C-alpha atoms as a PDB file:
ATOM      1  CA  UNK A   1      56.341 -60.628 -81.112  1.00  0.00           C
ATOM      2  CA  UNK A   2      58.587 -61.821 -83.681  1.00  0.00           C
ATOM      3  CA  UNK A   3      57.603 -59.054 -86.178  1.00  0.00           C
ATOM      4  CA  UNK A   4      59.021 -56.945 -83.684  1.00  0.00           C
ATOM      5  CA  UNK A   5      62.123 -58.430 -83.488  1.00  0.00           C
ATOM      6  CA  UNK A   6      62.761 -58.306 -86.806  1.00  0.00           C
ATOM      7  CA  UNK A   7      61.820 -54.150 -86.711  1.00  0.00           C
ATOM      8  CA  UNK A   8      64.593 -53.824 -84.732  1.00  0.00           C
ATOM      9  CA  UNK A   9      67.602 -55.714 -85.802  1.00  0.00           C
ATOM     10  CA  UNK A  10      66.274 -53.920 -89.068  1.00  0.00           C
ATOM     11  CA  UNK A  11      66.973 -50.846 -87.821  1.00  0.00           C
ATOM     12  CA  UNK A  12      70.189 -51.547 -85.785  1.00  0.00           C
ATOM     13  CA  UNK A  13      71.472 -52.581 -89.073  1.00  0.00           C
ATOM     14  CA  UNK A  14      70.911 -49.728 -90.701  1.00  0.00           C
ATOM     15  CA  UNK A  15      71.575 -47.463 -87.955  1.00  0.00           C
ATOM     16  CA  UNK A  16      75.032 -49.135 -87.920  1.00  0.00           C
ATOM     17  CA  UNK A  17      75.338 -48.520 -91.708  1.00  0.00           C
ATOM     18  CA  UNK A  18      74.657 -44.743 -91.023  1.00  0.00           C
ATOM     19  CA  UNK A  19      76.844 -44.754 -87.832  1.00  0.00           C
ATOM     20  CA  UNK A  20      79.882 -46.032 -89.912  1.00  0.00           C
ATOM     21  CA  UNK A  21      79.033 -43.825 -92.568  1.00  0.00           C
ATOM     22  CA  UNK A  22      79.151 -40.495 -90.286  1.00  0.00           C
ATOM     23  CA  UNK A  23      81.990 -41.310 -88.544  1.00  0.00           C
ATOM     24  CA  UNK A  24      84.028 -42.453 -91.759  1.00  0.00           C
ATOM     25  CA  UNK A  25      83.470 -38.706 -93.455  1.00  0.00           C
ATOM     26  CA  UNK A  26      84.221 -37.163 -89.807  1.00  0.00           C
ATOM     27  CA  UNK A  27      87.182 -38.442 -89.793  1.00  0.00           C
ATOM     28  CA  UNK A  28      88.242 -37.399 -93.426  1.00  0.00           C
ATOM     29  CA  UNK A  29      86.412 -34.206 -94.028  1.00  0.00           C
ATOM     30  CA  UNK A  30      88.914 -33.278 -96.417  1.00  0.00           C
ATOM     31  CA  UNK A  31      88.140 -36.248 -98.494  1.00  0.00           C
ATOM     32  CA  UNK A  32      84.676 -35.912 -98.275  1.00  0.00           C
ATOM     33  CA  UNK A  33      84.942 -32.155 -99.193  1.00  0.00           C
ATOM     34  CA  UNK A  34      86.370 -33.375-102.710  1.00  0.00           C
ATOM     35  CA  UNK A  35      83.713 -36.231-103.049  1.00  0.00           C
ATOM     36  CA  UNK A  36      81.131 -33.894-102.182  1.00  0.00           C
ATOM     37  CA  UNK A  37      82.743 -31.388-105.864  1.00  0.00           C
ATOM     38  CA  UNK A  38      83.006 -33.978-107.568  1.00  0.00           C
ATOM     39  CA  UNK A  39      79.096 -35.582-107.242  1.00  0.00           C
ATOM     40  CA  UNK A  40      78.340 -32.053-108.156  1.00  0.00           C
ATOM     41  CA  UNK A  41      78.190 -29.351-104.933  1.00  0.00           C
ATOM     42  CA  UNK A  42      79.143 -26.212-105.646  1.00  0.00           C
ATOM     43  CA  UNK A  43      83.324 -26.575-104.708  1.00  0.00           C
ATOM     44  CA  UNK A  44      82.467 -23.223-102.229  1.00  0.00           C
ATOM     45  CA  UNK A  45      79.979 -25.123-100.439  1.00  0.00           C
ATOM     46  CA  UNK A  46      81.360 -28.692-100.299  1.00  0.00           C
ATOM     47  CA  UNK A  47      83.331 -27.962 -97.006  1.00  0.00           C
ATOM     48  CA  UNK A  48      80.386 -27.012 -95.342  1.00  0.00           C
ATOM     49  CA  UNK A  49      78.532 -29.872 -96.871  1.00  0.00           C
ATOM     50  CA  UNK A  50      81.193 -32.064 -95.561  1.00  0.00           C
ATOM     51  CA  UNK A  51      80.807 -31.029 -92.155  1.00  0.00           C
ATOM     52  CA  UNK A  52      76.665 -31.320 -92.137  1.00  0.00           C
ATOM     53  CA  UNK A  53      76.227 -34.456 -93.684  1.00  0.00           C
ATOM     54  CA  UNK A  54      77.835 -36.679 -90.979  1.00  0.00           C
ATOM     55  CA  UNK A  55      76.521 -34.968 -88.380  1.00  0.00           C
ATOM     56  CA  UNK A  56      73.009 -35.112 -90.348  1.00  0.00           C
ATOM     57  CA  UNK A  57      73.952 -38.921 -90.655  1.00  0.00           C
ATOM     58  CA  UNK A  58      74.568 -39.546 -87.017  1.00  0.00           C
ATOM     59  CA  UNK A  59      71.189 -37.820 -85.711  1.00  0.00           C
ATOM     60  CA  UNK A  60      69.701 -40.239 -87.764  1.00  0.00           C
ATOM     61  CA  UNK A  61      71.845 -43.461 -86.699  1.00  0.00           C
ATOM     62  CA  UNK A  62      70.795 -42.750 -83.309  1.00  0.00           C
ATOM     63  CA  UNK A  63      66.687 -41.532 -84.302  1.00  0.00           C
ATOM     64  CA  UNK A  64      66.910 -45.352 -85.784  1.00  0.00           C
ATOM     65  CA  UNK A  65      67.209 -46.702 -82.461  1.00  0.00           C
ATOM     66  CA  UNK A  66      64.398 -44.690 -80.260  1.00  0.00           C
ATOM     67  CA  UNK A  67      61.397 -45.295 -79.604  1.00  0.00           C
ATOM     68  CA  UNK A  68      58.325 -43.523 -81.944  1.00  0.00           C
ATOM     69  CA  UNK A  69      61.302 -42.011 -84.416  1.00  0.00           C
ATOM     70  CA  UNK A  70      62.004 -44.621 -86.565  1.00  0.00           C
ATOM     71  CA  UNK A  71      59.413 -43.403 -88.758  1.00  0.00           C
ATOM     72  CA  UNK A  72      61.263 -40.339 -89.506  1.00  0.00           C
ATOM     73  CA  UNK A  73      64.680 -41.658 -89.853  1.00  0.00           C
ATOM     74  CA  UNK A  74      63.622 -44.535 -92.022  1.00  0.00           C
ATOM     75  CA  UNK A  75      62.023 -41.821 -94.320  1.00  0.00           C
ATOM     76  CA  UNK A  76      65.252 -39.458 -93.653  1.00  0.00           C
ATOM     77  CA  UNK A  77      66.985 -42.469 -94.539  1.00  0.00           C
ATOM     78  CA  UNK A  78      65.405 -43.226 -97.375  1.00  0.00           C
ATOM     79  CA  UNK A  79      65.706 -39.377 -99.130  1.00  0.00           C
ATOM     80  CA  UNK A  80      69.342 -39.728 -98.646  1.00  0.00           C
ATOM     81  CA  UNK A  81      69.803 -42.910-100.102  1.00  0.00           C
ATOM     82  CA  UNK A  82      67.452 -42.586-102.871  1.00  0.00           C
ATOM     83  CA  UNK A  83      69.589 -38.974-103.375  1.00  0.00           C
ATOM     84  CA  UNK A  84      72.794 -40.424-103.515  1.00  0.00           C
ATOM     85  CA  UNK A  85      71.623 -43.469-105.476  1.00  0.00           C
ATOM     86  CA  UNK A  86      70.512 -41.065-108.376  1.00  0.00           C
ATOM     87  CA  UNK A  87      73.689 -39.001-108.047  1.00  0.00           C
ATOM     88  CA  UNK A  88      76.169 -42.141-108.743  1.00  0.00           C
ATOM     89  CA  UNK A  89      73.866 -43.076-111.744  1.00  0.00           C
ATOM     90  CA  UNK A  90      73.826 -39.729-113.239  1.00  0.00           C
ATOM     91  CA  UNK A  91      77.980 -39.674-112.897  1.00  0.00           C
ATOM     92  CA  UNK A  92      78.174 -43.403-114.276  1.00  0.00           C
ATOM     93  CA  UNK A  93      76.355 -42.935-117.406  1.00  0.00           C
ATOM     94  CA  UNK A  94      79.328 -40.396-117.801  1.00  0.00           C
ATOM     95  CA  UNK A  95      81.846 -42.461-117.680  1.00  0.00           C
ATOM     96  CA  UNK A  96      82.922 -41.269-113.907  1.00  0.00           C
ATOM     97  CA  UNK A  97      83.873 -43.576-111.105  1.00  0.00           C
ATOM     98  CA  UNK A  98      85.361 -41.344-108.269  1.00  0.00           C
ATOM     99  CA  UNK A  99      85.437 -42.258-104.650  1.00  0.00           C
ATOM    100  CA  UNK A 100      82.531 -41.806-102.851  1.00  0.00           C
ATOM    101  CA  UNK A 101      83.995 -41.030 -99.269  1.00  0.00           C
ATOM    102  CA  UNK A 102      80.609 -42.788 -98.462  1.00  0.00           C
ATOM    103  CA  UNK A 103      82.757 -44.386 -95.395  1.00  0.00           C
ATOM    104  CA  UNK A 104      85.343 -41.950 -95.376  1.00  0.00           C
ATOM    105  CA  UNK A 105      88.841 -43.182 -96.163  1.00  0.00           C
ATOM    106  CA  UNK A 106      87.840 -46.649 -96.404  1.00  0.00           C
ATOM    107  CA  UNK A 107      85.680 -46.153 -99.440  1.00  0.00           C
ATOM    108  CA  UNK A 108      86.652 -47.362-103.185  1.00  0.00           C
ATOM    109  CA  UNK A 109      85.589 -45.609-106.724  1.00  0.00           C
ATOM    110  CA  UNK A 110      81.376 -46.178-107.216  1.00  0.00           C
ATOM    111  CA  UNK A 111      80.632 -48.788-110.099  1.00  0.00           C
ATOM    112  CA  UNK A 112      78.275 -51.144-110.262  1.00  0.00           C
ATOM    113  CA  UNK A 113      78.505 -52.851-106.732  1.00  0.00           C
ATOM    114  CA  UNK A 114      77.400 -49.280-105.381  1.00  0.00           C
ATOM    115  CA  UNK A 115      73.882 -49.722-106.867  1.00  0.00           C
ATOM    116  CA  UNK A 116      73.526 -52.605-105.885  1.00  0.00           C
ATOM    117  CA  UNK A 117      74.966 -51.890-102.147  1.00  0.00           C
ATOM    118  CA  UNK A 118      72.256 -48.851-102.358  1.00  0.00           C
ATOM    119  CA  UNK A 119      69.728 -51.312-103.579  1.00  0.00           C
ATOM    120  CA  UNK A 120      70.302 -53.672-100.629  1.00  0.00           C
ATOM    121  CA  UNK A 121      69.746 -50.311 -98.187  1.00  0.00           C
ATOM    122  CA  UNK A 122      66.764 -48.880 -99.738  1.00  0.00           C
ATOM    123  CA  UNK A 123      64.768 -51.880 -99.556  1.00  0.00           C
ATOM    124  CA  UNK A 124      65.668 -51.918 -95.798  1.00  0.00           C
ATOM    125  CA  UNK A 125      64.874 -48.690 -95.211  1.00  0.00           C
ATOM    126  CA  UNK A 126      61.843 -49.014 -97.190  1.00  0.00           C
ATOM    127  CA  UNK A 127      60.953 -51.851 -94.105  1.00  0.00           C
ATOM    128  CA  UNK A 128      62.248 -50.433 -91.823  1.00  0.00           C
ATOM    129  CA  UNK A 129      59.685 -47.197 -92.386  1.00  0.00           C
ATOM    130  CA  UNK A 130      56.896 -49.624 -93.185  1.00  0.00           C
ATOM    131  CA  UNK A 131      58.110 -51.821 -89.719  1.00  0.00           C
ATOM    132  CA  UNK A 132      57.888 -48.454 -87.916  1.00  0.00           C
ATOM    133  CA  UNK A 133      54.514 -47.605 -88.888  1.00  0.00           C
ATOM    134  CA  UNK A 134      53.033 -51.029 -88.024  1.00  0.00           C
ATOM    135  CA  UNK A 135      55.326 -50.920 -84.684  1.00  0.00           C
ATOM    136  CA  UNK A 136      55.960 -47.604 -83.673  1.00  0.00           C
ATOM    137  CA  UNK A 137      57.274 -48.160 -79.794  1.00  0.00           C
ATOM    138  CA  UNK A 138      59.855 -50.936 -80.709  1.00  0.00           C
ATOM    139  CA  UNK A 139      62.346 -51.471 -79.265  1.00  0.00           C
ATOM    140  CA  UNK A 140      59.572 -50.701 -75.917  1.00  0.00           C
ATOM    141  CA  UNK A 141      57.715 -54.072 -75.639  1.00  0.00           C
ATOM    142  CA  UNK A 142      60.528 -56.089 -76.297  1.00  0.00           C
ATOM    143  CA  UNK A 143      62.229 -58.642 -73.587  1.00  0.00           C
ATOM    144  CA  UNK A 144      65.484 -56.183 -72.610  1.00  0.00           C
ATOM    145  CA  UNK A 145      67.694 -59.028 -73.209  1.00  0.00           C
ATOM    146  CA  UNK A 146      67.464 -59.720 -76.065  1.00  0.00           C
ATOM    147  CA  UNK A 147      67.101 -56.080 -77.356  1.00  0.00           C
ATOM    148  CA  UNK A 148      70.749 -55.174 -75.837  1.00  0.00           C
ATOM    149  CA  UNK A 149      71.961 -58.474 -76.785  1.00  0.00           C
ATOM    150  CA  UNK A 150      70.908 -57.723 -80.136  1.00  0.00           C
ATOM    151  CA  UNK A 151      72.417 -53.602 -79.930  1.00  0.00           C
ATOM    152  CA  UNK A 152      75.313 -55.054 -78.613  1.00  0.00           C
ATOM    153  CA  UNK A 153      75.706 -57.424 -81.332  1.00  0.00           C
ATOM    154  CA  UNK A 154      74.974 -54.890 -83.815  1.00  0.00           C
ATOM    155  CA  UNK A 155      77.575 -52.254 -82.609  1.00  0.00           C
ATOM    156  CA  UNK A 156      80.883 -54.757 -82.366  1.00  0.00           C
ATOM    157  CA  UNK A 157      79.936 -56.088 -86.214  1.00  0.00           C
ATOM    158  CA  UNK A 158      80.133 -52.300 -86.465  1.00  0.00           C
ATOM    159  CA  UNK A 159      83.029 -52.369 -84.899  1.00  0.00           C
ATOM    160  CA  UNK A 160      84.567 -55.296 -86.892  1.00  0.00           C
ATOM    161  CA  UNK A 161      83.368 -53.602 -90.437  1.00  0.00           C
ATOM    162  CA  UNK A 162      85.068 -50.853 -89.218  1.00  0.00           C
ATOM    163  CA  UNK A 163      88.639 -52.217 -88.018  1.00  0.00           C
ATOM    164  CA  UNK A 164      88.327 -54.431 -91.552  1.00  0.00           C
ATOM    165  CA  UNK A 165      88.076 -50.672 -93.759  1.00  0.00           C
ATOM    166  CA  UNK A 166      90.605 -48.877 -91.716  1.00  0.00           C
ATOM    167  CA  UNK A 167      92.741 -52.239 -92.067  1.00  0.00           C
ATOM    168  CA  UNK A 168      92.002 -51.692 -96.300  1.00  0.00           C
ATOM    169  CA  UNK A 169      92.511 -48.074 -96.007  1.00  0.00           C
ATOM    170  CA  UNK A 170      96.132 -48.556 -94.285  1.00  0.00           C
ATOM    171  CA  UNK A 171      97.112 -51.124 -96.996  1.00  0.00           C
ATOM    172  CA  UNK A 172      96.064 -48.894 -99.784  1.00  0.00           C
ATOM    173  CA  UNK A 173      98.357 -46.327 -98.050  1.00  0.00           C
ATOM    174  CA  UNK A 174     101.450 -48.183 -97.501  1.00  0.00           C
ATOM    175  CA  UNK A 175     101.181 -49.871-100.895  1.00  0.00           C
ATOM    176  CA  UNK A 176     100.795 -45.466-102.454  1.00  0.00           C
ATOM    177  CA  UNK A 177     103.771 -44.813-100.257  1.00  0.00           C
ATOM    178  CA  UNK A 178     105.928 -48.064-101.044  1.00  0.00           C
ATOM    179  CA  UNK A 179     104.841 -46.745-105.039  1.00  0.00           C
ATOM    180  CA  UNK A 180     106.856 -43.668-104.684  1.00  0.00           C
ATOM    181  CA  UNK A 181     110.130 -44.677-103.434  1.00  0.00           C
ATOM    182  CA  UNK A 182     110.692 -47.984-105.606  1.00  0.00           C
ATOM    183  CA  UNK A 183     113.551 -45.920-107.048  1.00  0.00           C
ATOM    184  CA  UNK A 184     113.882 -46.690-110.812  1.00  0.00           C
ATOM    185  CA  UNK A 185     110.773 -47.390-112.615  1.00  0.00           C
ATOM    186  CA  UNK A 186     110.766 -51.433-113.649  1.00  0.00           C
ATOM    187  CA  UNK A 187     112.750 -54.453-113.161  1.00  0.00           C
ATOM    188  CA  UNK A 188     115.964 -55.081-115.187  1.00  0.00           C
ATOM    189  CA  UNK A 189     115.683 -56.291-118.534  1.00  0.00           C
ATOM    190  CA  UNK A 190     116.690 -60.246-117.723  1.00  0.00           C
ATOM    191  CA  UNK A 191     115.044 -60.329-114.089  1.00  0.00           C
ATOM    192  CA  UNK A 192     112.929 -63.358-113.232  1.00  0.00           C
ATOM    193  CA  UNK A 193     109.283 -61.911-113.462  1.00  0.00           C
ATOM    194  CA  UNK A 194     108.128 -62.031-109.926  1.00  0.00           C
ATOM    195  CA  UNK A 195     104.973 -64.125-109.782  1.00  0.00           C
ATOM    196  CA  UNK A 196     101.132 -62.947-109.095  1.00  0.00           C
ATOM    197  CA  UNK A 197      97.706 -64.320-108.612  1.00  0.00           C
ATOM    198  CA  UNK A 198      95.319 -61.811-109.096  1.00  0.00           C
ATOM    199  CA  UNK A 199      91.424 -61.534-109.336  1.00  0.00           C
ATOM    200  CA  UNK A 200      89.859 -62.211-113.168  1.00  0.00           C
ATOM    201  CA  UNK A 201      87.047 -60.530-113.771  1.00  0.00           C
ATOM    202  CA  UNK A 202      85.348 -63.666-115.419  1.00  0.00           C
ATOM    203  CA  UNK A 203      85.629 -65.613-111.994  1.00  0.00           C
ATOM    204  CA  UNK A 204      88.419 -67.270-110.151  1.00  0.00           C
ATOM    205  CA  UNK A 205      92.490 -66.289-109.768  1.00  0.00           C
ATOM    206  CA  UNK A 206      94.893 -65.998-112.283  1.00  0.00           C
ATOM    207  CA  UNK A 207      98.255 -66.654-111.915  1.00  0.00           C
ATOM    208  CA  UNK A 208     101.437 -65.707-114.261  1.00  0.00           C
ATOM    209  CA  UNK A 209     101.906 -69.284-114.655  1.00  0.00           C
ATOM    210  CA  UNK A 210      99.080 -69.537-115.935  1.00  0.00           C
ATOM    211  CA  UNK A 211      98.981 -66.924-118.633  1.00  0.00           C
ATOM    212  CA  UNK A 212     102.557 -68.136-119.737  1.00  0.00           C
ATOM    213  CA  UNK A 213     101.325 -72.369-120.346  1.00  0.00           C
ATOM    214  CA  UNK A 214     100.598 -71.696-123.814  1.00  0.00           C
ATOM    215  CA  UNK A 215     104.811 -71.030-124.012  1.00  0.00           C
ATOM    216  CA  UNK A 216     104.363 -67.510-125.593  1.00  0.00           C
ATOM    217  CA  UNK A 217     105.269 -64.180-124.778  1.00  0.00           C
ATOM    218  CA  UNK A 218     102.886 -61.876-122.277  1.00  0.00           C
ATOM    219  CA  UNK A 219     102.116 -58.440-122.005  1.00  0.00           C
ATOM    220  CA  UNK A 220     100.628 -57.161-119.221  1.00  0.00           C
ATOM    221  CA  UNK A 221      99.021 -53.773-119.691  1.00  0.00           C
ATOM    222  CA  UNK A 222      98.170 -51.526-116.713  1.00  0.00           C
ATOM    223  CA  UNK A 223      95.591 -49.581-116.372  1.00  0.00           C
ATOM    224  CA  UNK A 224      92.968 -47.734-114.326  1.00  0.00           C
ATOM    225  CA  UNK A 225      89.035 -46.904-115.260  1.00  0.00           C
ATOM    226  CA  UNK A 226      89.072 -43.454-114.556  1.00  0.00           C
ATOM    227  CA  UNK A 227      92.431 -43.104-116.679  1.00  0.00           C
ATOM    228  CA  UNK A 228      91.450 -41.558-120.383  1.00  0.00           C
ATOM    229  CA  UNK A 229      94.355 -42.775-122.289  1.00  0.00           C
ATOM    230  CA  UNK A 230      93.674 -45.928-120.696  1.00  0.00           C
ATOM    231  CA  UNK A 231      90.500 -46.540-122.301  1.00  0.00           C
ATOM    232  CA  UNK A 232      91.084 -45.338-125.894  1.00  0.00           C
ATOM    233  CA  UNK A 233      94.744 -48.078-125.401  1.00  0.00           C
ATOM    234  CA  UNK A 234      91.953 -50.511-124.260  1.00  0.00           C
ATOM    235  CA  UNK A 235      89.713 -50.207-127.266  1.00  0.00           C
ATOM    236  CA  UNK A 236      92.704 -50.868-129.453  1.00  0.00           C
ATOM    237  CA  UNK A 237      94.018 -53.937-127.626  1.00  0.00           C
ATOM    238  CA  UNK A 238      91.329 -56.376-129.209  1.00  0.00           C
ATOM    239  CA  UNK A 239      92.807 -55.863-132.688  1.00  0.00           C
ATOM    240  CA  UNK A 240      96.293 -56.161-131.248  1.00  0.00           C
ATOM    241  CA  UNK A 241      95.562 -59.299-129.769  1.00  0.00           C
ATOM    242  CA  UNK A 242      94.164 -60.452-133.291  1.00  0.00           C
ATOM    243  CA  UNK A 243      97.389 -59.495-135.005  1.00  0.00           C
ATOM    244  CA  UNK A 244      99.768 -60.518-132.820  1.00  0.00           C
ATOM    245  CA  UNK A 245      97.875 -63.961-130.999  1.00  0.00           C
ATOM    246  CA  UNK A 246     100.684 -66.039-132.368  1.00  0.00           C
ATOM    247  CA  UNK A 247     103.713 -64.113-130.955  1.00  0.00           C
ATOM    248  CA  UNK A 248     101.656 -62.801-127.691  1.00  0.00           C
ATOM    249  CA  UNK A 249      99.240 -63.227-125.373  1.00  0.00           C
ATOM    250  CA  UNK A 250      97.481 -59.791-123.230  1.00  0.00           C
ATOM    251  CA  UNK A 251      96.439 -59.479-119.996  1.00  0.00           C
ATOM    252  CA  UNK A 252      94.623 -55.986-118.853  1.00  0.00           C
ATOM    253  CA  UNK A 253      95.751 -55.385-114.654  1.00  0.00           C
ATOM    254  CA  UNK A 254      94.037 -52.728-112.561  1.00  0.00           C
ATOM    255  CA  UNK A 255      93.895 -51.961-109.168  1.00  0.00           C
ATOM    256  CA  UNK A 256      89.759 -51.936-107.504  1.00  0.00           C
ATOM    257  CA  UNK A 257      86.715 -53.132-107.329  1.00  0.00           C
ATOM    258  CA  UNK A 258      86.485 -56.410-109.670  1.00  0.00           C
ATOM    259  CA  UNK A 259      82.665 -55.593-110.752  1.00  0.00           C
ATOM    260  CA  UNK A 260      83.956 -52.078-111.739  1.00  0.00           C
ATOM    261  CA  UNK A 261      86.800 -53.519-113.877  1.00  0.00           C
ATOM    262  CA  UNK A 262      84.253 -56.017-115.432  1.00  0.00           C
ATOM    263  CA  UNK A 263      82.181 -53.027-116.528  1.00  0.00           C
ATOM    264  CA  UNK A 264      84.467 -50.939-117.200  1.00  0.00           C
ATOM    265  CA  UNK A 265      86.001 -53.970-119.600  1.00  0.00           C
ATOM    266  CA  UNK A 266      82.649 -54.446-121.515  1.00  0.00           C
ATOM    267  CA  UNK A 267      82.737 -51.405-122.106  1.00  0.00           C
ATOM    268  CA  UNK A 268      85.623 -51.023-124.094  1.00  0.00           C
ATOM    269  CA  UNK A 269      85.191 -54.214-125.925  1.00  0.00           C
ATOM    270  CA  UNK A 270      88.213 -56.020-124.338  1.00  0.00           C
ATOM    271  CA  UNK A 271      86.139 -59.277-125.290  1.00  0.00           C
ATOM    272  CA  UNK A 272      88.274 -62.544-124.312  1.00  0.00           C
ATOM    273  CA  UNK A 273      91.376 -60.483-123.371  1.00  0.00           C
ATOM    274  CA  UNK A 274      91.761 -61.126-119.712  1.00  0.00           C
ATOM    275  CA  UNK A 275      90.790 -58.300-117.132  1.00  0.00           C
ATOM    276  CA  UNK A 276      93.020 -59.078-113.646  1.00  0.00           C
ATOM    277  CA  UNK A 277      92.664 -56.357-110.437  1.00  0.00           C
ATOM    278  CA  UNK A 278      94.791 -56.167-108.038  1.00  0.00           C
ATOM    279  CA  UNK A 279      93.449 -55.840-104.294  1.00  0.00           C
ATOM    280  CA  UNK A 280      96.108 -53.608-102.734  1.00  0.00           C
ATOM    281  CA  UNK A 281      99.151 -52.641-105.875  1.00  0.00           C
ATOM    282  CA  UNK A 282     101.172 -56.362-105.447  1.00  0.00           C
ATOM    283  CA  UNK A 283     101.300 -56.683-109.113  1.00  0.00           C
ATOM    284  CA  UNK A 284     102.604 -52.497-109.880  1.00  0.00           C
ATOM    285  CA  UNK A 285     104.889 -52.599-106.509  1.00  0.00           C
ATOM    286  CA  UNK A 286     106.563 -55.553-107.581  1.00  0.00           C
ATOM    287  CA  UNK A 287     107.197 -55.095-111.393  1.00  0.00           C
ATOM    288  CA  UNK A 288     107.984 -51.221-110.352  1.00  0.00           C
ATOM    289  CA  UNK A 289     105.275 -49.739-112.265  1.00  0.00           C
ATOM    290  CA  UNK A 290     103.841 -46.486-110.947  1.00  0.00           C
ATOM    291  CA  UNK A 291     101.286 -45.010-113.530  1.00  0.00           C
ATOM    292  CA  UNK A 292      99.030 -46.253-115.979  1.00  0.00           C
ATOM    293  CA  UNK A 293      98.504 -47.108-118.778  1.00  0.00           C
ATOM    294  CA  UNK A 294     102.300 -48.765-118.473  1.00  0.00           C
ATOM    295  CA  UNK A 295     103.374 -51.782-120.598  1.00  0.00           C
ATOM    296  CA  UNK A 296     105.424 -55.197-119.131  1.00  0.00           C
ATOM    297  CA  UNK A 297     106.278 -57.411-121.449  1.00  0.00           C
ATOM    298  CA  UNK A 298     107.786 -60.991-119.698  1.00  0.00           C
ATOM    299  CA  UNK A 299     108.858 -63.546-122.853  1.00  0.00           C
ATOM    300  CA  UNK A 300     108.252 -67.258-123.136  1.00  0.00           C
ATOM    301  CA  UNK A 301     111.249 -68.244-120.370  1.00  0.00           C
ATOM    302  CA  UNK A 302     109.637 -65.696-117.861  1.00  0.00           C
ATOM    303  CA  UNK A 303     111.845 -63.063-117.772  1.00  0.00           C
ATOM    304  CA  UNK A 304     111.529 -59.438-118.029  1.00  0.00           C
ATOM    305  CA  UNK A 305     112.083 -58.794-122.113  1.00  0.00           C
ATOM    306  CA  UNK A 306     112.225 -54.968-121.674  1.00  0.00           C
ATOM    307  CA  UNK A 307     111.650 -51.851-120.018  1.00  0.00           C
ATOM    308  CA  UNK A 308     108.431 -50.975-118.704  1.00  0.00           C
ATOM    309  CA  UNK A 309     106.685 -48.731-121.426  1.00  0.00           C
ATOM    310  CA  UNK A 310     104.641 -45.985-120.273  1.00  0.00           C
ATOM    311  CA  UNK A 311     101.305 -44.673-122.771  1.00  0.00           C
ATOM    312  CA  UNK A 312      99.838 -46.143-125.989  1.00  0.00           C
ATOM    313  CA  UNK A 313     102.610 -45.312-128.351  1.00  0.00           C
ATOM    314  CA  UNK A 314     105.595 -47.411-125.989  1.00  0.00           C
ATOM    315  CA  UNK A 315     102.709 -50.204-125.413  1.00  0.00           C
ATOM    316  CA  UNK A 316     102.442 -50.326-129.361  1.00  0.00           C
ATOM    317  CA  UNK A 317     106.504 -50.941-129.794  1.00  0.00           C
ATOM    318  CA  UNK A 318     106.380 -53.429-127.146  1.00  0.00           C
ATOM    319  CA  UNK A 319     104.286 -55.301-129.492  1.00  0.00           C
ATOM    320  CA  UNK A 320     105.917 -55.061-132.450  1.00  0.00           C
ATOM    321  CA  UNK A 321     108.925 -56.334-130.318  1.00  0.00           C
ATOM    322  CA  UNK A 322     106.977 -59.386-129.314  1.00  0.00           C
ATOM    323  CA  UNK A 323     105.555 -60.000-132.981  1.00  0.00           C
ATOM    324  CA  UNK A 324     109.752 -59.818-134.092  1.00  0.00           C
ATOM    325  CA  UNK A 325     111.308 -61.825-131.610  1.00  0.00           C
ATOM    326  CA  UNK A 326     108.324 -64.473-132.368  1.00  0.00           C
ATOM    327  CA  UNK A 327     109.441 -64.085-136.182  1.00  0.00           C
ATOM    328  CA  UNK A 328     113.091 -65.171-135.574  1.00  0.00           C
END
């Protein structure tokens, strides 16, 4: 009986994942169509695929809840997950990180975390399929109270996840709208640099105060992993850091998933340069930075030392300026 309850719980969990996925894709069909095209579906077929896939996932979620349908639903889930994982791996090998639209507007760009999540789901699909072969009548034969209770608990958990994702998506949209209405880019020269505390890809959190404890000037370089100019600039930063290390501390600031930026930083060879990750656009909003790559120079007294520098050449000039100030 305990094994049968385990099979039922796994089926409920997998049904919840595919139910949320179907709901998110159907609610954001335009974003789903764009994701389909980025994942290799021909452009003319992407809108059709954006309508068909959530229907398939919804049918799969229902199938996982029905007696004697678990084997077929488990196999279908396994096939979908394997195909999607292969597509993610292919894009990551090419250095591309599109938003997968796995859960509609709640989704973030793909990265190493996507592969880990899919690995867990693939393992669940295998266990569901094997369990459904051994116990095809589940949930029949289980205590009605417990079977219904676990189903209600799974539904409530899925609702909490959905609401949490919606809040994150709303926060992202608010940040984007705020960035578009900031007015003039950058803070005035001489303004006190706004405080922040961001996640560090090496673990923990890092604040402005932490970065300036050594009494040097600070250069914040705002980047995005899908930006080729950012990647080219990042590969130069270690050399600039060595050249200007007596005058300047350099930190890279991005927005998104921590593991994605950790992987991106390793690919660019950033080494000891800290890579900090915003959960929204909190640092970009406070410093009025609108695009990437951009640089903000902060003097040793914690004040903005120059206008926002946009592009690699302008950021190089900031480094030269920091060196000149240090020599004075």
